[in-house]
């Protein structure tokens, strides 16, 4: 009887649609010298995608942090990542009444020891299928900028050079 129940429960679990299973992915962020400076975990949660970022070896202070539209991270400037992920064609910035881009996040705060973390939920993106999916042909990427994001100025909040990049992939 026990063997029968195990088989039945296993079969039921296999019959679940893909959307019923947890969806998550990770991205390693590297600097221009290809040194890993951070790891991001992206998880589908009710209300959007939770992004948990941990970094080390960065300049202390605030840094702009965004999702970019192309999944390429070619050093030294990471311009290959394209502009911000913006499927809704909004203006840049969490403080902009005509925004934000789907890929806009709060600033990343890095301490005096070069470490930092950010844990936020982006309600404008998904890891499932759709126009706002981060899992797409050509991919998407995460970029850390040298300077703080002013959260209102197009196209990137005056956040300066791109200092680290990580490709988002399943």
N, C-alpha and C. Protein backbone atom coordinates (compact mmCIF):
# COMPACT_ATOMS: atom_id res chain seq x y z
N UNK A 1 0.82 -1.20 0.00
CA UNK A 1 0.00 0.00 0.00
C UNK A 1 0.87 1.26 0.00
N UNK A 2 1.94 1.26 0.84
CA UNK A 2 2.81 2.43 0.89
C UNK A 2 3.44 2.69 -0.47
N UNK A 3 3.89 1.63 -1.15
CA UNK A 3 4.50 1.80 -2.47
C UNK A 3 3.50 2.40 -3.44
N UNK A 4 2.27 1.97 -3.38
CA UNK A 4 1.22 2.48 -4.26
C UNK A 4 1.00 3.98 -4.03
N UNK A 5 0.94 4.42 -2.77
CA UNK A 5 0.74 5.83 -2.47
C UNK A 5 1.91 6.67 -2.95
N UNK A 6 3.14 6.18 -2.78
CA UNK A 6 4.31 6.92 -3.24
C UNK A 6 4.24 7.11 -4.74
N UNK A 7 3.87 6.09 -5.49
CA UNK A 7 3.78 6.19 -6.94
C UNK A 7 2.68 7.18 -7.34
N UNK A 8 1.53 7.13 -6.67
CA UNK A 8 0.43 8.04 -6.99
C UNK A 8 0.86 9.49 -6.73
N UNK A 9 1.47 9.76 -5.57
CA UNK A 9 1.90 11.13 -5.27
C UNK A 9 2.99 11.60 -6.23
N UNK A 10 3.89 10.72 -6.61
CA UNK A 10 4.93 11.09 -7.58
C UNK A 10 4.31 11.44 -8.92
N UNK A 11 3.31 10.67 -9.35
CA UNK A 11 2.65 10.94 -10.63
C UNK A 11 1.90 12.28 -10.57
N UNK A 12 1.27 12.57 -9.45
CA UNK A 12 0.56 13.84 -9.31
C UNK A 12 1.54 15.01 -9.39
N UNK A 13 2.68 14.88 -8.75
CA UNK A 13 3.70 15.93 -8.79
C UNK A 13 4.21 16.17 -10.19
N UNK A 14 4.35 15.10 -10.98
CA UNK A 14 4.83 15.26 -12.35
C UNK A 14 3.79 15.93 -13.23
N UNK A 15 2.54 15.86 -12.83
CA UNK A 15 1.47 16.44 -13.64
C UNK A 15 1.25 17.92 -13.41
N UNK A 16 1.99 18.53 -12.49
CA UNK A 16 1.79 19.95 -12.22
C UNK A 16 2.29 20.78 -13.39
N UNK A 17 1.60 21.85 -13.71
CA UNK A 17 2.11 22.73 -14.76
C UNK A 17 3.41 23.39 -14.31
N UNK A 18 4.21 23.81 -15.27
CA UNK A 18 5.51 24.42 -14.97
C UNK A 18 5.36 25.65 -14.07
N UNK A 19 4.27 26.40 -14.22
CA UNK A 19 4.09 27.61 -13.43
C UNK A 19 3.88 27.31 -11.96
N UNK A 20 3.52 26.05 -11.62
CA UNK A 20 3.32 25.70 -10.23
C UNK A 20 4.64 25.45 -9.52
N UNK A 21 5.71 25.23 -10.25
CA UNK A 21 7.01 25.00 -9.67
C UNK A 21 7.72 26.34 -9.46
N UNK A 22 8.52 26.41 -8.42
CA UNK A 22 9.26 27.64 -8.15
C UNK A 22 10.15 27.98 -9.34
N UNK A 23 10.17 29.25 -9.72
CA UNK A 23 11.01 29.71 -10.81
C UNK A 23 12.05 30.66 -10.25
N UNK A 24 13.31 30.35 -10.51
CA UNK A 24 14.37 31.23 -10.06
C UNK A 24 15.59 31.06 -10.95
N UNK A 25 16.48 32.02 -10.87
CA UNK A 25 17.72 31.98 -11.62
C UNK A 25 18.75 32.79 -10.87
N UNK A 26 20.00 32.67 -11.28
CA UNK A 26 21.10 33.41 -10.65
C UNK A 26 21.92 34.10 -11.74
N UNK A 27 22.61 35.14 -11.33
CA UNK A 27 23.54 35.83 -12.23
C UNK A 27 24.79 36.17 -11.44
N UNK A 28 25.94 35.88 -12.03
CA UNK A 28 27.21 36.30 -11.44
C UNK A 28 27.61 37.62 -12.09
N UNK A 29 27.91 38.61 -11.30
CA UNK A 29 28.33 39.91 -11.83
C UNK A 29 29.84 40.00 -11.76
N UNK A 30 30.43 40.39 -12.89
CA UNK A 30 31.88 40.49 -13.01
C UNK A 30 32.27 41.91 -13.37
N UNK A 31 33.45 42.31 -12.92
CA UNK A 31 33.97 43.63 -13.27
C UNK A 31 34.70 43.55 -14.62
N UNK A 32 35.32 44.64 -15.03
CA UNK A 32 35.97 44.71 -16.35
C UNK A 32 37.18 43.78 -16.46
N UNK A 33 37.71 43.32 -15.33
CA UNK A 33 38.82 42.37 -15.34
C UNK A 33 38.34 40.93 -15.20
N UNK A 34 37.02 40.71 -15.33
CA UNK A 34 36.38 39.39 -15.25
C UNK A 34 36.42 38.80 -13.85
N UNK A 35 36.64 39.63 -12.84
CA UNK A 35 36.60 39.18 -11.45
C UNK A 35 35.15 39.18 -10.97
N UNK A 36 34.72 38.10 -10.34
CA UNK A 36 33.36 38.04 -9.80
C UNK A 36 33.28 38.99 -8.61
N UNK A 37 32.36 39.95 -8.70
CA UNK A 37 32.18 40.92 -7.62
C UNK A 37 30.79 40.83 -6.99
N UNK A 38 29.95 39.94 -7.51
CA UNK A 38 28.62 39.82 -6.92
C UNK A 38 27.84 38.66 -7.49
N UNK A 39 26.81 38.31 -6.74
CA UNK A 39 25.87 37.27 -7.16
C UNK A 39 24.46 37.77 -6.89
N UNK A 40 23.60 37.59 -7.87
CA UNK A 40 22.19 37.96 -7.73
C UNK A 40 21.34 36.72 -7.89
N UNK A 41 20.35 36.61 -7.05
CA UNK A 41 19.34 35.56 -7.17
C UNK A 41 18.03 36.24 -7.52
N UNK A 42 17.36 35.74 -8.56
CA UNK A 42 16.09 36.28 -8.99
C UNK A 42 15.05 35.17 -8.85
N UNK A 43 13.97 35.44 -8.13
CA UNK A 43 12.95 34.44 -7.86
C UNK A 43 11.57 35.01 -8.13
N UNK A 44 10.76 34.24 -8.84
CA UNK A 44 9.36 34.63 -9.08
C UNK A 44 8.62 34.51 -7.75
N UNK A 45 7.97 35.59 -7.33
CA UNK A 45 7.19 35.62 -6.09
C UNK A 45 5.85 36.30 -6.41
N UNK A 46 4.86 36.14 -5.54
CA UNK A 46 3.63 36.88 -5.78
C UNK A 46 3.94 38.38 -5.86
N UNK A 47 3.52 39.00 -6.92
CA UNK A 47 3.74 40.43 -7.07
C UNK A 47 4.97 40.81 -7.88
N UNK A 48 5.72 39.83 -8.42
CA UNK A 48 6.85 40.18 -9.26
C UNK A 48 8.04 39.25 -9.11
N UNK A 49 9.24 39.83 -9.23
CA UNK A 49 10.47 39.06 -9.11
C UNK A 49 11.29 39.65 -7.97
N UNK A 50 11.64 38.79 -7.03
CA UNK A 50 12.50 39.20 -5.92
C UNK A 50 13.95 39.11 -6.38
N UNK A 51 14.69 40.19 -6.21
CA UNK A 51 16.10 40.25 -6.58
C UNK A 51 16.91 40.43 -5.30
N UNK A 52 17.79 39.48 -5.05
CA UNK A 52 18.68 39.53 -3.89
C UNK A 52 20.09 39.60 -4.42
N UNK A 53 20.78 40.69 -4.14
CA UNK A 53 22.12 40.94 -4.64
C UNK A 53 23.10 41.02 -3.48
N UNK A 54 24.23 40.34 -3.62
CA UNK A 54 25.33 40.41 -2.65
C UNK A 54 26.59 40.75 -3.44
N UNK A 55 27.33 41.78 -3.01
CA UNK A 55 28.53 42.20 -3.72
C UNK A 55 29.71 42.34 -2.76
N UNK A 56 30.92 42.29 -3.33
CA UNK A 56 32.14 42.58 -2.57
C UNK A 56 33.17 43.14 -3.53
N UNK A 57 34.12 43.89 -2.98
CA UNK A 57 35.19 44.45 -3.79
C UNK A 57 34.80 45.67 -4.59
N UNK A 58 33.71 46.33 -4.23
CA UNK A 58 33.28 47.54 -4.94
C UNK A 58 33.63 48.79 -4.13
N UNK A 59 33.66 49.92 -4.83
CA UNK A 59 33.92 51.22 -4.20
C UNK A 59 32.79 51.52 -3.21
N UNK A 60 33.14 51.94 -1.98
CA UNK A 60 32.09 52.30 -1.02
C UNK A 60 31.20 53.43 -1.54
N UNK A 61 29.95 53.40 -1.12
CA UNK A 61 28.98 54.42 -1.50
C UNK A 61 27.79 53.81 -2.21
N UNK A 62 26.96 54.68 -2.77
CA UNK A 62 25.77 54.23 -3.50
C UNK A 62 26.11 54.02 -4.97
N UNK A 63 25.46 53.00 -5.53
CA UNK A 63 25.66 52.65 -6.94
C UNK A 63 24.30 52.41 -7.58
N UNK A 64 24.12 52.96 -8.79
CA UNK A 64 22.94 52.62 -9.56
C UNK A 64 22.98 51.13 -9.91
N UNK A 65 21.81 50.51 -9.95
CA UNK A 65 21.70 49.07 -10.23
C UNK A 65 20.45 48.89 -11.07
N UNK A 66 20.61 48.26 -12.25
CA UNK A 66 19.50 48.15 -13.19
C UNK A 66 19.52 46.84 -13.96
N UNK A 67 18.36 46.48 -14.50
CA UNK A 67 18.27 45.40 -15.49
C UNK A 67 18.45 46.06 -16.86
N UNK A 68 19.30 45.47 -17.68
CA UNK A 68 19.52 45.98 -19.04
C UNK A 68 18.94 45.01 -20.06
N UNK A 69 18.65 45.53 -21.24
CA UNK A 69 17.83 44.84 -22.24
C UNK A 69 18.52 43.73 -23.01
N UNK A 70 19.83 43.62 -22.94
CA UNK A 70 20.57 42.62 -23.71
C UNK A 70 21.42 41.78 -22.77
N UNK A 71 21.45 40.50 -23.01
CA UNK A 71 22.21 39.57 -22.18
C UNK A 71 23.64 39.41 -22.63
N UNK A 72 24.35 40.52 -22.78
CA UNK A 72 25.78 40.49 -23.14
C UNK A 72 26.53 41.35 -22.16
N UNK A 73 27.68 40.85 -21.73
CA UNK A 73 28.51 41.58 -20.76
C UNK A 73 29.94 41.63 -21.26
N UNK A 74 30.17 42.38 -22.32
CA UNK A 74 31.50 42.48 -22.90
C UNK A 74 32.26 43.64 -22.27
N UNK A 75 33.39 43.32 -21.57
CA UNK A 75 34.19 44.39 -20.98
C UNK A 75 34.91 45.16 -22.08
N UNK A 76 35.45 46.33 -21.82
CA UNK A 76 35.59 46.88 -20.48
C UNK A 76 34.42 47.75 -20.02
N UNK A 77 33.53 48.19 -20.96
CA UNK A 77 32.50 49.16 -20.56
C UNK A 77 31.10 48.57 -20.46
N UNK A 78 30.91 47.32 -20.85
CA UNK A 78 29.62 46.63 -20.78
C UNK A 78 28.50 47.32 -21.55
N UNK A 79 28.87 48.13 -22.54
CA UNK A 79 27.85 48.78 -23.37
C UNK A 79 27.07 47.75 -24.19
N UNK A 80 27.62 46.57 -24.34
CA UNK A 80 26.95 45.48 -25.06
C UNK A 80 25.64 45.08 -24.39
N UNK A 81 25.43 45.46 -23.13
CA UNK A 81 24.20 45.13 -22.41
C UNK A 81 23.02 46.00 -22.83
N UNK A 82 23.27 46.98 -23.69
CA UNK A 82 22.20 47.84 -24.17
C UNK A 82 21.69 48.78 -23.09
N UNK A 83 20.53 49.37 -23.36
CA UNK A 83 19.89 50.28 -22.41
C UNK A 83 19.10 49.52 -21.36
N UNK A 84 18.40 50.26 -20.54
CA UNK A 84 17.59 49.65 -19.49
C UNK A 84 16.46 48.81 -20.09
N UNK A 85 16.12 47.74 -19.40
CA UNK A 85 14.98 46.91 -19.78
C UNK A 85 13.73 47.76 -19.57
N UNK A 86 12.99 48.02 -20.66
CA UNK A 86 11.91 49.00 -20.62
C UNK A 86 10.77 48.63 -21.57
N UNK A 87 10.15 47.45 -21.36
CA UNK A 87 9.12 47.02 -22.29
C UNK A 87 7.87 47.91 -22.31
N UNK A 88 7.68 48.72 -21.29
CA UNK A 88 6.49 49.58 -21.23
C UNK A 88 6.77 51.01 -21.72
N UNK A 89 8.01 51.25 -22.16
CA UNK A 89 8.41 52.55 -22.71
C UNK A 89 8.12 53.71 -21.76
N UNK A 90 8.51 53.54 -20.51
CA UNK A 90 8.37 54.58 -19.49
C UNK A 90 9.66 55.39 -19.40
N UNK A 91 9.64 56.45 -18.62
CA UNK A 91 10.84 57.23 -18.35
C UNK A 91 11.59 56.58 -17.19
N UNK A 92 12.88 56.94 -17.07
CA UNK A 92 13.72 56.37 -16.03
C UNK A 92 13.39 56.91 -14.65
N UNK A 93 13.48 56.03 -13.66
CA UNK A 93 13.53 56.45 -12.27
C UNK A 93 12.33 56.12 -11.42
N UNK A 94 12.64 55.58 -10.24
CA UNK A 94 11.60 55.26 -9.28
C UNK A 94 10.90 56.50 -8.76
N UNK A 95 11.58 57.67 -8.82
CA UNK A 95 10.99 58.93 -8.36
C UNK A 95 10.40 59.75 -9.50
N UNK A 96 10.40 59.20 -10.70
CA UNK A 96 9.90 59.92 -11.86
C UNK A 96 8.41 59.61 -12.04
N UNK A 97 7.52 60.61 -12.04
CA UNK A 97 6.09 60.34 -12.19
C UNK A 97 5.74 59.67 -13.53
N UNK A 98 6.61 59.79 -14.53
CA UNK A 98 6.36 59.15 -15.83
C UNK A 98 7.13 57.82 -15.94
N UNK A 99 7.61 57.32 -14.85
CA UNK A 99 8.41 56.09 -14.84
C UNK A 99 7.78 55.08 -13.92
N UNK A 100 8.51 54.07 -13.61
CA UNK A 100 9.91 53.81 -13.94
C UNK A 100 10.06 52.82 -15.09
N UNK A 101 11.32 52.66 -15.54
CA UNK A 101 11.63 51.53 -16.41
C UNK A 101 11.36 50.26 -15.62
N UNK A 102 11.03 49.18 -16.30
CA UNK A 102 10.83 47.91 -15.61
C UNK A 102 12.11 47.44 -14.93
N UNK A 103 13.27 47.89 -15.42
CA UNK A 103 14.54 47.46 -14.87
C UNK A 103 15.15 48.39 -13.85
N UNK A 104 14.40 49.35 -13.33
CA UNK A 104 14.94 50.29 -12.34
C UNK A 104 14.83 49.70 -10.93
N UNK A 105 15.91 49.87 -10.16
CA UNK A 105 15.96 49.41 -8.76
C UNK A 105 16.38 50.57 -7.87
N UNK A 106 16.19 50.41 -6.55
CA UNK A 106 16.81 51.35 -5.62
C UNK A 106 18.33 51.25 -5.73
N UNK A 107 19.03 52.26 -5.23
CA UNK A 107 20.49 52.23 -5.24
C UNK A 107 21.03 51.11 -4.36
N UNK A 108 22.16 50.58 -4.77
CA UNK A 108 22.91 49.59 -4.00
C UNK A 108 23.85 50.34 -3.07
N UNK A 109 23.80 50.07 -1.79
CA UNK A 109 24.68 50.72 -0.81
C UNK A 109 25.83 49.77 -0.49
N UNK A 110 27.06 50.26 -0.74
CA UNK A 110 28.27 49.48 -0.47
C UNK A 110 29.00 50.13 0.70
N UNK A 111 29.33 49.32 1.70
CA UNK A 111 29.99 49.81 2.91
C UNK A 111 31.48 50.06 2.71
N UNK A 112 32.10 50.58 3.76
CA UNK A 112 33.53 50.90 3.74
C UNK A 112 34.39 49.68 3.45
N UNK A 113 33.88 48.49 3.77
CA UNK A 113 34.64 47.25 3.52
C UNK A 113 34.44 46.72 2.10
N UNK A 114 33.70 47.44 1.26
CA UNK A 114 33.50 47.03 -0.13
C UNK A 114 32.38 46.03 -0.34
N UNK A 115 31.64 45.70 0.73
CA UNK A 115 30.54 44.75 0.58
C UNK A 115 29.20 45.48 0.64
N UNK A 116 28.23 44.88 0.02
CA UNK A 116 26.89 45.46 0.03
C UNK A 116 25.85 44.43 -0.35
N UNK A 117 24.61 44.78 -0.10
CA UNK A 117 23.51 43.88 -0.47
C UNK A 117 22.27 44.70 -0.76
N UNK A 118 21.41 44.11 -1.54
CA UNK A 118 20.13 44.72 -1.88
C UNK A 118 19.13 43.60 -2.02
N UNK A 119 17.96 43.78 -1.44
CA UNK A 119 16.89 42.80 -1.53
C UNK A 119 15.62 43.59 -1.87
N UNK A 120 15.10 43.39 -3.07
CA UNK A 120 13.96 44.18 -3.52
C UNK A 120 13.05 43.33 -4.41
N UNK A 121 11.83 43.76 -4.58
CA UNK A 121 10.89 43.09 -5.49
C UNK A 121 10.56 44.05 -6.62
N UNK A 122 10.74 43.58 -7.84
CA UNK A 122 10.39 44.35 -9.03
C UNK A 122 9.04 43.84 -9.53
N UNK A 123 8.01 44.66 -9.37
CA UNK A 123 6.65 44.26 -9.74
C UNK A 123 6.38 44.38 -11.23
N UNK A 124 7.34 44.90 -11.99
CA UNK A 124 7.13 45.13 -13.42
C UNK A 124 7.75 44.07 -14.32
N UNK A 125 8.36 43.03 -13.74
CA UNK A 125 9.01 41.99 -14.52
C UNK A 125 8.56 40.62 -14.06
N UNK A 126 8.89 39.61 -14.87
CA UNK A 126 8.57 38.22 -14.54
C UNK A 126 9.68 37.31 -15.07
N UNK A 127 9.72 36.10 -14.54
CA UNK A 127 10.58 35.05 -15.09
C UNK A 127 9.75 34.10 -15.94
N UNK A 128 8.45 34.33 -15.99
CA UNK A 128 7.55 33.54 -16.83
C UNK A 128 7.53 34.15 -18.22
N UNK A 129 6.75 33.56 -19.11
CA UNK A 129 6.65 34.10 -20.47
C UNK A 129 5.89 35.42 -20.46
N UNK A 130 6.23 36.28 -21.41
CA UNK A 130 5.52 37.55 -21.56
C UNK A 130 6.44 38.65 -22.01
N UNK A 131 5.84 39.79 -22.38
CA UNK A 131 6.62 40.93 -22.87
C UNK A 131 7.59 41.46 -21.82
N UNK A 132 7.26 41.27 -20.55
CA UNK A 132 8.10 41.77 -19.47
C UNK A 132 8.97 40.67 -18.85
N UNK A 133 9.16 39.57 -19.58
CA UNK A 133 9.98 38.46 -19.07
C UNK A 133 11.47 38.76 -19.19
N UNK A 134 12.19 38.43 -18.13
CA UNK A 134 13.65 38.59 -18.14
C UNK A 134 14.33 37.42 -18.83
N UNK A 135 13.60 36.34 -19.03
CA UNK A 135 14.11 35.16 -19.73
C UNK A 135 13.60 35.24 -21.15
N UNK A 136 14.46 35.65 -22.08
CA UNK A 136 14.02 35.95 -23.44
C UNK A 136 15.16 35.69 -24.41
N UNK A 137 14.84 35.56 -25.70
CA UNK A 137 15.89 35.43 -26.71
C UNK A 137 16.83 36.64 -26.63
N UNK A 138 18.11 36.40 -26.63
CA UNK A 138 19.09 37.47 -26.48
C UNK A 138 19.40 37.81 -25.04
N UNK A 139 18.54 37.36 -24.13
CA UNK A 139 18.78 37.53 -22.71
C UNK A 139 18.60 38.95 -22.20
N UNK A 140 18.84 39.11 -20.92
CA UNK A 140 18.88 40.39 -20.23
C UNK A 140 20.08 40.34 -19.28
N UNK A 141 20.42 41.46 -18.69
CA UNK A 141 21.58 41.48 -17.80
C UNK A 141 21.35 42.44 -16.64
N UNK A 142 22.17 42.29 -15.62
CA UNK A 142 22.18 43.19 -14.48
C UNK A 142 23.45 44.02 -14.55
N UNK A 143 23.32 45.31 -14.31
CA UNK A 143 24.47 46.23 -14.36
C UNK A 143 24.55 47.00 -13.05
N UNK A 144 25.78 47.09 -12.52
CA UNK A 144 26.07 47.99 -11.40
C UNK A 144 26.85 49.16 -11.98
N UNK A 145 26.43 50.37 -11.62
CA UNK A 145 27.08 51.60 -12.09
C UNK A 145 28.03 52.15 -11.04
N UNK A 146 28.92 53.04 -11.46
CA UNK A 146 29.93 53.62 -10.58
C UNK A 146 29.35 54.60 -9.57
N UNK A 147 28.26 55.28 -9.93
CA UNK A 147 27.73 56.37 -9.12
C UNK A 147 26.28 56.10 -8.73
N UNK A 148 25.75 56.90 -7.80
CA UNK A 148 24.34 56.73 -7.41
C UNK A 148 23.39 57.12 -8.55
N UNK A 149 22.25 56.50 -8.56
CA UNK A 149 21.17 56.81 -9.49
C UNK A 149 20.33 57.91 -8.84
N UNK A 150 20.07 59.00 -9.56
CA UNK A 150 19.24 60.07 -8.99
C UNK A 150 17.76 59.73 -9.05
N UNK A 151 17.43 58.59 -9.64
CA UNK A 151 16.08 58.01 -9.70
C UNK A 151 15.06 58.87 -10.45
N UNK A 152 15.55 59.76 -11.37
CA UNK A 152 14.58 60.55 -12.13
C UNK A 152 15.06 60.98 -13.51
N UNK A 153 16.36 60.97 -13.77
CA UNK A 153 16.88 61.52 -15.02
C UNK A 153 17.08 60.42 -16.06
N UNK A 154 16.52 60.64 -17.28
CA UNK A 154 16.75 59.71 -18.38
C UNK A 154 18.16 59.86 -18.89
N UNK A 155 18.81 58.82 -19.41
CA UNK A 155 18.28 57.47 -19.51
C UNK A 155 18.66 56.57 -18.33
N UNK A 156 19.65 56.98 -17.49
CA UNK A 156 20.13 56.07 -16.44
C UNK A 156 20.35 56.76 -15.10
N UNK A 157 19.72 57.88 -14.87
CA UNK A 157 19.79 58.52 -13.57
C UNK A 157 21.14 59.11 -13.21
N UNK A 158 21.93 59.48 -14.24
CA UNK A 158 23.27 60.04 -14.00
C UNK A 158 24.12 59.12 -13.13
N UNK A 159 23.98 57.82 -13.34
CA UNK A 159 24.66 56.86 -12.47
C UNK A 159 26.06 56.47 -12.94
N UNK A 160 26.56 57.12 -13.97
CA UNK A 160 27.95 56.94 -14.35
C UNK A 160 28.25 55.66 -15.11
N UNK A 161 29.54 55.35 -15.14
CA UNK A 161 30.04 54.21 -15.91
C UNK A 161 29.49 52.88 -15.37
N UNK A 162 29.48 51.91 -16.23
CA UNK A 162 29.08 50.55 -15.86
C UNK A 162 30.31 49.84 -15.32
N UNK A 163 30.25 49.37 -14.06
CA UNK A 163 31.43 48.77 -13.44
C UNK A 163 31.33 47.26 -13.26
N UNK A 164 30.14 46.70 -13.38
CA UNK A 164 29.98 45.25 -13.26
C UNK A 164 28.74 44.83 -14.04
N UNK A 165 28.79 43.60 -14.55
CA UNK A 165 27.69 43.10 -15.39
C UNK A 165 27.52 41.60 -15.16
N UNK A 166 26.26 41.15 -15.19
CA UNK A 166 25.96 39.73 -15.09
C UNK A 166 24.78 39.36 -15.96
N UNK A 167 24.91 38.32 -16.73
CA UNK A 167 23.86 37.86 -17.63
C UNK A 167 22.81 37.08 -16.85
N UNK A 168 21.54 37.43 -17.08
CA UNK A 168 20.42 36.71 -16.46
C UNK A 168 20.06 35.56 -17.40
N UNK A 169 20.16 34.35 -16.91
CA UNK A 169 19.81 33.19 -17.73
C UNK A 169 19.22 32.10 -16.87
N UNK A 170 18.45 31.27 -17.50
CA UNK A 170 17.80 30.18 -16.78
C UNK A 170 18.82 29.11 -16.50
